[in-house]
Amino acid sequence: MSPVTSVSNCFAAVAASFSFLAMILALPGLQMHTVDALSVVKSPFESGYSHGCNDAGITDFSDRYINQPGKGSSFHTEEFMRGYDTGYNACS
């Protein structure tokens, strides 16, 4: 195989990988969070659980995620809120 062909195949593989990733990220119900330059996809339940668990350790109610403007229960799905409540209770 010539060097030109192998480079072309490499570019094709990278393009296909990005296309697949874009398709996966477009699925409904998934949220994307960037952590230390690594991309992690969490479900709404997992995201809610993390926020709930974090909030359980915050004593000042006004500092909790769920009490921030635009972050209350009316701004989240039922699945997120189930995760939030589960995480809050597990970490309290």
N, C-alpha and C. Protein backbone atom coordinates (compact mmCIF):
# COMPACT_ATOMS: atom_id res chain seq x y z
N MET A 1 0.86 -1.18 0.00
CA MET A 1 0.00 0.00 0.00
C MET A 1 0.90 1.23 0.00
N SER A 2 0.58 2.19 -0.83
CA SER A 2 1.40 3.40 -0.93
C SER A 2 1.13 4.33 0.25
N PRO A 3 2.06 5.20 0.59
CA PRO A 3 1.86 6.15 1.70
C PRO A 3 0.63 7.04 1.49
N VAL A 4 0.35 7.41 0.26
CA VAL A 4 -0.81 8.26 -0.03
C VAL A 4 -2.09 7.53 0.30
N THR A 5 -2.16 6.25 -0.06
CA THR A 5 -3.36 5.44 0.22
C THR A 5 -3.56 5.27 1.71
N SER A 6 -2.49 5.02 2.48
CA SER A 6 -2.64 4.82 3.92
C SER A 6 -3.05 6.12 4.61
N VAL A 7 -2.55 7.26 4.15
CA VAL A 7 -2.96 8.55 4.73
C VAL A 7 -4.42 8.81 4.41
N SER A 8 -4.84 8.49 3.19
CA SER A 8 -6.25 8.67 2.81
C SER A 8 -7.15 7.79 3.67
N ASN A 9 -6.73 6.56 3.89
CA ASN A 9 -7.52 5.64 4.73
C ASN A 9 -7.59 6.15 6.17
N CYS A 10 -6.51 6.71 6.65
CA CYS A 10 -6.48 7.27 8.00
C CYS A 10 -7.48 8.42 8.13
N PHE A 11 -7.46 9.33 7.16
CA PHE A 11 -8.40 10.45 7.17
C PHE A 11 -9.84 9.97 7.08
N ALA A 12 -10.08 8.95 6.29
CA ALA A 12 -11.43 8.39 6.16
C ALA A 12 -11.89 7.79 7.48
N ALA A 13 -11.00 7.11 8.18
CA ALA A 13 -11.35 6.51 9.47
C ALA A 13 -11.66 7.58 10.52
N VAL A 14 -10.87 8.63 10.52
CA VAL A 14 -11.10 9.74 11.47
C VAL A 14 -12.44 10.41 11.16
N ALA A 15 -12.73 10.65 9.90
CA ALA A 15 -14.00 11.28 9.51
C ALA A 15 -15.17 10.40 9.91
N ALA A 16 -15.05 9.10 9.72
CA ALA A 16 -16.13 8.17 10.10
C ALA A 16 -16.32 8.18 11.61
N SER A 17 -15.23 8.24 12.38
CA SER A 17 -15.33 8.28 13.84
C SER A 17 -16.06 9.53 14.31
N PHE A 18 -15.74 10.68 13.72
CA PHE A 18 -16.41 11.91 14.09
C PHE A 18 -17.89 11.87 13.72
N SER A 19 -18.20 11.29 12.58
CA SER A 19 -19.59 11.17 12.16
C SER A 19 -20.38 10.31 13.14
N PHE A 20 -19.79 9.20 13.56
CA PHE A 20 -20.43 8.30 14.51
C PHE A 20 -20.64 9.01 15.85
N LEU A 21 -19.62 9.72 16.33
CA LEU A 21 -19.72 10.45 17.59
C LEU A 21 -20.82 11.51 17.52
N ALA A 22 -20.88 12.24 16.43
CA ALA A 22 -21.92 13.26 16.27
C ALA A 22 -23.31 12.63 16.30
N MET A 23 -23.45 11.47 15.68
CA MET A 23 -24.74 10.78 15.67
C MET A 23 -25.13 10.35 17.08
N ILE A 24 -24.20 9.82 17.84
CA ILE A 24 -24.47 9.38 19.21
C ILE A 24 -24.86 10.57 20.08
N LEU A 25 -24.15 11.67 19.93
CA LEU A 25 -24.43 12.85 20.77
C LEU A 25 -25.76 13.50 20.43
N ALA A 26 -26.28 13.23 19.26
CA ALA A 26 -27.55 13.80 18.85
C ALA A 26 -28.74 13.02 19.41
N LEU A 27 -28.47 11.89 20.06
CA LEU A 27 -29.57 11.10 20.63
C LEU A 27 -30.27 11.89 21.73
N PRO A 28 -31.60 11.85 21.76
CA PRO A 28 -32.33 12.59 22.80
C PRO A 28 -32.06 12.00 24.18
N GLY A 29 -32.08 12.86 25.17
CA GLY A 29 -31.92 12.42 26.55
C GLY A 29 -30.49 12.33 27.03
N LEU A 30 -29.52 12.64 26.17
CA LEU A 30 -28.14 12.60 26.59
C LEU A 30 -27.60 14.02 26.73
N GLN A 31 -26.78 14.22 27.74
CA GLN A 31 -26.17 15.52 27.94
C GLN A 31 -24.66 15.33 27.87
N MET A 32 -23.98 16.33 27.34
CA MET A 32 -22.53 16.25 27.19
C MET A 32 -21.88 17.16 28.22
N HIS A 33 -20.92 16.63 28.94
CA HIS A 33 -20.16 17.40 29.91
C HIS A 33 -18.69 17.17 29.62
N THR A 34 -17.89 18.22 29.69
CA THR A 34 -16.46 18.08 29.45
C THR A 34 -15.75 18.08 30.79
N VAL A 35 -14.93 17.05 31.01
CA VAL A 35 -14.21 16.90 32.25
C VAL A 35 -12.75 16.63 31.92
N ASP A 36 -11.87 17.52 32.34
CA ASP A 36 -10.44 17.35 32.11
C ASP A 36 -10.11 16.95 30.67
N ALA A 37 -10.68 17.67 29.73
CA ALA A 37 -10.44 17.46 28.30
C ALA A 37 -10.93 16.11 27.79
N LEU A 38 -11.67 15.35 28.61
CA LEU A 38 -12.28 14.10 28.16
C LEU A 38 -13.78 14.34 28.06
N SER A 39 -14.39 13.82 27.02
CA SER A 39 -15.82 13.99 26.86
C SER A 39 -16.54 12.82 27.50
N VAL A 40 -17.50 13.13 28.36
CA VAL A 40 -18.27 12.11 29.07
C VAL A 40 -19.74 12.39 28.81
N VAL A 41 -20.46 11.38 28.39
CA VAL A 41 -21.88 11.54 28.14
C VAL A 41 -22.63 10.95 29.34
N LYS A 42 -23.48 11.77 29.96
CA LYS A 42 -24.26 11.33 31.11
C LYS A 42 -25.74 11.38 30.75
N SER A 43 -26.48 10.46 31.31
CA SER A 43 -27.94 10.50 31.16
C SER A 43 -28.46 11.61 32.07
N PRO A 44 -29.69 12.07 31.86
CA PRO A 44 -30.26 13.06 32.78
C PRO A 44 -30.28 12.55 34.23
N PHE A 45 -30.57 11.25 34.42
CA PHE A 45 -30.58 10.70 35.78
C PHE A 45 -29.19 10.82 36.41
N GLU A 46 -28.15 10.44 35.67
CA GLU A 46 -26.78 10.51 36.19
C GLU A 46 -26.37 11.94 36.50
N SER A 47 -26.74 12.86 35.63
CA SER A 47 -26.42 14.27 35.86
C SER A 47 -27.14 14.78 37.10
N GLY A 48 -28.43 14.44 37.22
CA GLY A 48 -29.20 14.84 38.40
C GLY A 48 -28.62 14.24 39.67
N TYR A 49 -28.22 12.97 39.60
CA TYR A 49 -27.63 12.30 40.76
C TYR A 49 -26.39 13.05 41.23
N SER A 50 -25.52 13.40 40.29
CA SER A 50 -24.29 14.12 40.63
C SER A 50 -24.60 15.45 41.31
N HIS A 51 -25.53 16.21 40.73
CA HIS A 51 -25.89 17.51 41.32
C HIS A 51 -26.53 17.32 42.69
N GLY A 52 -27.40 16.32 42.82
CA GLY A 52 -28.05 16.07 44.11
C GLY A 52 -27.06 15.68 45.18
N CYS A 53 -26.14 14.80 44.82
CA CYS A 53 -25.12 14.37 45.77
C CYS A 53 -24.24 15.55 46.19
N ASN A 54 -23.84 16.37 45.23
CA ASN A 54 -23.05 17.57 45.55
C ASN A 54 -23.83 18.50 46.47
N ASP A 55 -25.10 18.73 46.15
CA ASP A 55 -25.92 19.64 46.96
C ASP A 55 -26.11 19.14 48.38
N ALA A 56 -26.11 17.82 48.58
CA ALA A 56 -26.29 17.26 49.92
C ALA A 56 -25.19 17.73 50.87
N GLY A 57 -24.03 18.03 50.34
CA GLY A 57 -22.93 18.48 51.18
C GLY A 57 -22.84 19.99 51.36
N ILE A 58 -23.77 20.72 50.77
CA ILE A 58 -23.75 22.18 50.87
C ILE A 58 -24.80 22.62 51.88
N THR A 59 -24.35 23.24 52.97
CA THR A 59 -25.28 23.60 54.04
C THR A 59 -26.07 24.88 53.75
N ASP A 60 -25.49 25.80 53.00
CA ASP A 60 -26.19 27.05 52.66
C ASP A 60 -27.10 26.79 51.46
N PHE A 61 -28.41 26.78 51.70
CA PHE A 61 -29.39 26.47 50.66
C PHE A 61 -29.21 27.32 49.41
N SER A 62 -28.83 28.57 49.56
CA SER A 62 -28.70 29.45 48.40
C SER A 62 -27.51 29.08 47.51
N ASP A 63 -26.57 28.30 48.04
CA ASP A 63 -25.41 27.88 47.25
C ASP A 63 -25.65 26.59 46.48
N ARG A 64 -26.75 25.91 46.76
CA ARG A 64 -27.02 24.63 46.11
C ARG A 64 -27.39 24.84 44.64
N TYR A 65 -26.97 23.91 43.80
CA TYR A 65 -27.23 23.96 42.36
C TYR A 65 -28.71 24.17 42.08
N ILE A 66 -29.55 23.40 42.72
CA ILE A 66 -30.99 23.38 42.42
C ILE A 66 -31.66 24.71 42.77
N ASN A 67 -31.02 25.51 43.59
CA ASN A 67 -31.58 26.80 44.00
C ASN A 67 -31.02 27.97 43.20
N GLN A 68 -30.21 27.69 42.20
CA GLN A 68 -29.65 28.75 41.37
C GLN A 68 -30.67 29.17 40.30
N PRO A 69 -30.66 30.43 39.89
CA PRO A 69 -31.59 30.88 38.84
C PRO A 69 -31.46 30.02 37.59
N GLY A 70 -32.59 29.56 37.09
CA GLY A 70 -32.60 28.75 35.88
C GLY A 70 -32.22 27.30 36.09
N LYS A 71 -32.05 26.87 37.33
CA LYS A 71 -31.63 25.50 37.62
C LYS A 71 -32.65 24.74 38.46
N GLY A 72 -33.75 25.34 38.80
CA GLY A 72 -34.76 24.69 39.64
C GLY A 72 -35.44 23.52 38.95
N SER A 73 -36.29 22.83 39.68
CA SER A 73 -36.93 21.62 39.17
C SER A 73 -37.75 21.87 37.91
N SER A 74 -38.31 23.05 37.76
CA SER A 74 -39.12 23.33 36.57
C SER A 74 -38.27 23.44 35.30
N PHE A 75 -36.95 23.51 35.44
CA PHE A 75 -36.05 23.61 34.29
C PHE A 75 -35.47 22.25 33.91
N HIS A 76 -35.86 21.19 34.62
CA HIS A 76 -35.28 19.87 34.39
C HIS A 76 -36.35 18.83 34.11
N THR A 77 -35.92 17.73 33.49
CA THR A 77 -36.83 16.63 33.19
C THR A 77 -37.14 15.85 34.47
N GLU A 78 -38.18 15.04 34.39
CA GLU A 78 -38.53 14.19 35.54
C GLU A 78 -37.39 13.22 35.84
N GLU A 79 -36.74 12.71 34.79
CA GLU A 79 -35.63 11.78 34.97
C GLU A 79 -34.48 12.45 35.72
N PHE A 80 -34.16 13.70 35.35
CA PHE A 80 -33.11 14.45 36.05
C PHE A 80 -33.48 14.60 37.53
N MET A 81 -34.74 14.97 37.79
CA MET A 81 -35.16 15.21 39.18
C MET A 81 -35.18 13.92 40.00
N ARG A 82 -35.51 12.78 39.36
CA ARG A 82 -35.43 11.49 40.07
C ARG A 82 -33.98 11.22 40.45
N GLY A 83 -33.07 11.49 39.53
CA GLY A 83 -31.65 11.32 39.82
C GLY A 83 -31.17 12.27 40.91
N TYR A 84 -31.64 13.52 40.83
CA TYR A 84 -31.26 14.52 41.82
C TYR A 84 -31.70 14.07 43.22
N ASP A 85 -32.96 13.67 43.34
CA ASP A 85 -33.49 13.24 44.64
C ASP A 85 -32.76 12.00 45.15
N THR A 86 -32.50 11.05 44.27
CA THR A 86 -31.78 9.83 44.65
C THR A 86 -30.37 10.17 45.12
N GLY A 87 -29.68 11.02 44.38
CA GLY A 87 -28.32 11.42 44.76
C GLY A 87 -28.30 12.21 46.05
N TYR A 88 -29.25 13.11 46.20
CA TYR A 88 -29.32 13.92 47.43
C TYR A 88 -29.52 13.01 48.65
N ASN A 89 -30.46 12.07 48.53
CA ASN A 89 -30.75 11.17 49.65
C ASN A 89 -29.58 10.23 49.93
N ALA A 90 -28.92 9.74 48.90
CA ALA A 90 -27.81 8.81 49.08
C ALA A 90 -26.61 9.48 49.74
N CYS A 91 -26.43 10.76 49.50
CA CYS A 91 -25.25 11.46 50.00
C CYS A 91 -25.52 12.32 51.25
N SER A 92 -26.76 12.32 51.70
CA SER A 92 -27.11 13.11 52.90
C SER A 92 -26.67 12.39 54.16
